[in-house]
């Protein structure tokens, strides 16, 4: 003889699964009211746990997306403000080189321009590392986070 109980898992008014119990052990293989109440109580608790787990997962995903968007805005602002300003300064530096009256003035303007290019290149490299730290690929997440903590300290 095969017997069974099916108890729906309902959370927030929606069915999320079903608990199926089959073939009760013992002398009487039939499920009784106590068995049904026990399965229903378990089903209610399981449904609450599943619903909470789904909510935590949704909240975690939302926080990750929010953090990514915040970081995108920061990078966009930094690229616009710092790198954009540096490139504009380079254009002005090129004009100073072109309009220099003598060799000494041209060398001085070119030297300033070279320093600005080196600084800007370092800034761009720093942004690239912030986007994807090499430690993340080389050593994993824990090491990358430790290095990031040390950098900020």
Foldseek 3Di string as FASTA:
>chain_A
DKEKDKEFQADPRDTDGIDIDMQDDDDDRYDDPVNVVVRNVVSPVVSVVVVVVVVVVVVVVVVVVVVVVVVVVVLVCCCCPPVVVLVVVLVVLVVQLVPPPDPVSNVVSVVVSVVSVVVSVVVVVVSVCVVPPVCCVVPNDVVVVVVVVVVVD
